[in-house]
């Protein structure tokens, strides 16, 4: 008899704990979403001069050392984006008024991030393809988190979903070109394509 009481209490505790875990979905406000996107945009903006500084002269052109600040910058963007993605779980649709600032922030992110990627694409054709693999690897990781983040944004902004979806496609295209440009045997100014 005591066993069944203990078992029932344990089962009830487990059920309540499981329900609490399921209900512990996080949601963020539109203002928080805008702040998160703006932080990632700023990280991308801050990385542009580092990418632009990649040179092709001297011994540095023959190593990956000049890419290290860019790789570390992308890794930081990935970390911040993953944290933001974790916080987005449970976020519902924003009203049209709340969605517009989110869409504007996402649009700004796309523009800034595409510029960063274009800088990298321009640098890739000048360097030996053997040293480009680490950049391609970080770009593939970046693509994964940018896609997940973009889908989270798109899902939360029904009033401007079409434009956000098109911007995501444009960013995906630029990101794919950058990844291809840094994949050994990929695109090197007029050469092979992925």
Protein backbone atom coordinates (compact mmCIF):
# COMPACT_ATOMS: atom_id res chain seq x y z
CA UNK A 1 0.00 0.00 0.00
CA UNK A 2 2.80 2.44 0.88
CA UNK A 3 4.58 1.50 -2.31
CA UNK A 4 1.64 2.59 -4.45
CA UNK A 5 1.44 5.97 -2.62
CA UNK A 6 5.15 6.56 -3.17
CA UNK A 7 4.88 5.45 -6.78
CA UNK A 8 1.84 7.69 -7.36
CA UNK A 9 3.61 10.67 -5.78
CA UNK A 10 6.71 10.02 -7.88
CA UNK A 11 4.65 9.69 -11.06
CA UNK A 12 2.78 12.91 -10.27
CA UNK A 13 6.03 14.76 -9.58
CA UNK A 14 7.50 13.53 -12.85
CA UNK A 15 4.41 14.54 -14.79
CA UNK A 16 4.37 18.02 -13.24
CA UNK A 17 8.12 18.44 -13.85
CA UNK A 18 7.73 17.35 -17.45
CA UNK A 19 4.87 19.77 -17.98
CA UNK A 20 6.87 22.58 -16.40
CA UNK A 21 9.81 21.86 -18.68
CA UNK A 22 7.51 21.85 -21.72
CA UNK A 23 5.89 25.11 -20.64
CA UNK A 24 9.25 26.78 -20.04
CA UNK A 25 9.38 28.04 -23.59
CA UNK A 26 11.08 31.36 -23.84
CA UNK A 27 9.62 34.14 -25.86
CA UNK A 28 11.07 37.51 -26.68
CA UNK A 29 9.37 40.78 -27.39
CA UNK A 30 9.68 42.57 -30.70
CA UNK A 31 11.99 45.11 -29.05
CA UNK A 32 14.25 42.31 -27.80
CA UNK A 33 14.25 40.74 -31.27
CA UNK A 34 15.26 44.09 -32.78
CA UNK A 35 18.06 44.48 -30.20
CA UNK A 36 19.33 40.96 -30.91
CA UNK A 37 19.36 41.49 -34.67
CA UNK A 38 21.07 44.87 -34.25
CA UNK A 39 23.82 43.30 -32.12
CA UNK A 40 24.53 40.74 -34.82
CA UNK A 41 24.41 43.47 -37.47
CA UNK A 42 26.96 45.49 -35.49
CA UNK A 43 29.25 42.47 -35.21
CA UNK A 44 29.05 42.07 -39.00
CA UNK A 45 29.74 45.78 -39.47
CA UNK A 46 32.73 45.62 -37.12
CA UNK A 47 34.13 42.68 -39.08
CA UNK A 48 34.13 44.49 -42.44
CA UNK A 49 37.40 46.43 -41.88
CA UNK A 50 39.11 43.23 -40.75
CA UNK A 51 37.97 41.45 -43.89
CA UNK A 52 38.96 44.42 -46.02
CA UNK A 53 42.45 44.39 -44.46
CA UNK A 54 43.18 40.92 -45.79
CA UNK A 55 46.14 41.40 -48.07
CA UNK A 56 47.71 39.40 -50.81
CA UNK A 57 51.25 40.68 -50.51
CA UNK A 58 54.14 39.16 -48.64
CA UNK A 59 54.33 36.01 -46.57
CA UNK A 60 50.97 36.61 -44.89
CA UNK A 61 49.30 35.89 -48.22
CA UNK A 62 50.71 32.37 -47.99
CA UNK A 63 49.06 31.51 -44.65
CA UNK A 64 45.73 31.55 -42.90
CA UNK A 65 46.96 33.90 -40.15
CA UNK A 66 45.47 36.98 -41.75
CA UNK A 67 42.09 35.22 -41.83
CA UNK A 68 42.14 34.46 -38.10
CA UNK A 69 40.50 37.76 -37.03
CA UNK A 70 37.76 37.21 -39.61
CA UNK A 71 37.24 33.58 -38.57
CA UNK A 72 37.09 34.61 -34.90
CA UNK A 73 34.65 37.39 -35.79
CA UNK A 74 32.37 34.93 -37.57
CA UNK A 75 32.63 32.55 -34.62
CA UNK A 76 31.47 35.36 -32.34
CA UNK A 77 28.54 36.09 -34.65
CA UNK A 78 27.66 32.38 -34.57
CA UNK A 79 27.77 32.28 -30.74
CA UNK A 80 25.59 35.37 -30.38
CA UNK A 81 23.13 34.15 -33.03
CA UNK A 82 22.82 30.72 -31.36
CA UNK A 83 22.07 32.38 -28.03
CA UNK A 84 19.45 34.54 -29.71
CA UNK A 85 17.94 31.51 -31.44
CA UNK A 86 17.66 29.72 -28.08
CA UNK A 87 15.84 32.74 -26.67
CA UNK A 88 13.43 32.88 -29.63
CA UNK A 89 11.80 29.56 -28.79
CA UNK A 90 8.14 30.10 -28.02
CA UNK A 91 7.99 33.51 -29.67
CA UNK A 92 4.65 34.02 -31.38
CA UNK A 93 3.58 36.32 -34.16
CA UNK A 94 4.12 40.02 -33.66
CA UNK A 95 1.44 42.53 -34.55
CA UNK A 96 1.96 44.51 -37.75
CA UNK A 97 3.08 47.54 -35.73
CA UNK A 98 5.57 45.47 -33.72
CA UNK A 99 6.71 43.48 -36.74
CA UNK A 100 7.85 46.44 -38.83
CA UNK A 101 10.86 47.34 -36.64
CA UNK A 102 11.84 43.64 -36.64
CA UNK A 103 11.63 43.58 -40.44
CA UNK A 104 13.62 46.80 -40.69
CA UNK A 105 16.33 45.41 -38.39
CA UNK A 106 16.47 42.18 -40.41
CA UNK A 107 16.72 44.15 -43.65
CA UNK A 108 19.62 46.17 -42.22
CA UNK A 109 21.32 42.95 -41.12
CA UNK A 110 20.99 41.48 -44.61
CA UNK A 111 22.51 44.57 -46.25
CA UNK A 112 25.45 44.76 -43.82
CA UNK A 113 26.10 41.02 -43.87
CA UNK A 114 25.98 40.86 -47.66
CA UNK A 115 28.55 43.65 -47.84
CA UNK A 116 30.83 41.71 -45.49
CA UNK A 117 30.43 38.59 -47.60
CA UNK A 118 31.11 40.51 -50.81
CA UNK A 119 34.36 41.84 -49.32
CA UNK A 120 35.38 38.25 -48.57
CA UNK A 121 34.36 37.06 -52.02
CA UNK A 122 36.55 39.77 -53.54
CA UNK A 123 39.54 38.66 -51.49
CA UNK A 124 39.19 34.95 -52.25
CA UNK A 125 40.27 35.01 -55.87
CA UNK A 126 43.56 36.65 -55.00
CA UNK A 127 44.75 33.94 -52.65
CA UNK A 128 45.91 30.38 -52.96
CA UNK A 129 42.97 27.99 -52.60
CA UNK A 130 44.88 25.69 -50.27
CA UNK A 131 44.57 28.24 -47.43
CA UNK A 132 40.87 28.93 -47.83
CA UNK A 133 39.39 25.81 -46.17
CA UNK A 134 39.10 27.24 -42.62
CA UNK A 135 37.14 30.22 -43.93
CA UNK A 136 34.79 27.92 -45.86
CA UNK A 137 34.21 25.86 -42.71
CA UNK A 138 33.23 28.87 -40.61
CA UNK A 139 31.02 30.16 -43.43
CA UNK A 140 29.14 26.84 -43.51
CA UNK A 141 28.54 27.10 -39.75
CA UNK A 142 27.46 30.69 -40.20
CA UNK A 143 25.00 29.69 -42.92
CA UNK A 144 23.33 27.24 -40.57
CA UNK A 145 22.73 29.79 -37.79
CA UNK A 146 21.77 32.60 -40.18
CA UNK A 147 19.15 30.32 -41.75
CA UNK A 148 17.74 29.33 -38.36
CA UNK A 149 17.71 32.92 -37.16
CA UNK A 150 16.09 34.11 -40.39
CA UNK A 151 13.36 31.47 -40.18
CA UNK A 152 12.68 32.55 -36.59
CA UNK A 153 12.34 36.15 -37.71
CA UNK A 154 10.19 35.23 -40.71
CA UNK A 155 7.88 33.10 -38.58
CA UNK A 156 7.29 35.97 -36.15
CA UNK A 157 6.50 38.71 -38.69
CA UNK A 158 3.49 37.69 -40.77
CA UNK A 159 2.86 41.26 -41.93
CA UNK A 160 6.21 41.50 -43.74
CA UNK A 161 6.94 37.83 -44.25
CA UNK A 162 7.22 38.05 -48.04
CA UNK A 163 9.93 40.72 -48.02
CA UNK A 164 11.83 39.02 -45.18
CA UNK A 165 11.70 35.73 -47.09
CA UNK A 166 13.10 37.38 -50.23
CA UNK A 167 15.87 39.03 -48.21
CA UNK A 168 16.74 35.65 -46.69
CA UNK A 169 16.98 34.17 -50.20
CA UNK A 170 19.26 37.02 -51.30
CA UNK A 171 21.47 36.52 -48.25
CA UNK A 172 21.53 32.75 -48.82
CA UNK A 173 22.70 33.36 -52.39
CA UNK A 174 25.53 35.65 -51.27
CA UNK A 175 26.50 33.29 -48.46
CA UNK A 176 26.57 30.35 -50.88
CA UNK A 177 28.83 32.31 -53.24
CA UNK A 178 31.17 33.19 -50.38
CA UNK A 179 31.30 29.60 -49.16
CA UNK A 180 31.95 28.39 -52.70
CA UNK A 181 34.68 30.99 -53.19
CA UNK A 182 36.50 29.71 -50.10
CA UNK A 183 36.02 26.03 -50.82
CA UNK A 184 39.21 24.60 -52.34
CA UNK A 185 38.35 23.87 -55.92
CA UNK A 186 35.36 26.26 -55.76
CA UNK A 187 35.07 29.58 -57.52
CA UNK A 188 38.26 31.53 -58.02
CA UNK A 189 37.60 34.61 -60.18
CA UNK A 190 36.31 33.25 -63.43
CA UNK A 191 37.50 29.72 -62.76
CA UNK A 192 35.48 26.75 -61.59
CA UNK A 193 32.14 27.09 -59.85
CA UNK A 194 30.67 24.96 -57.12
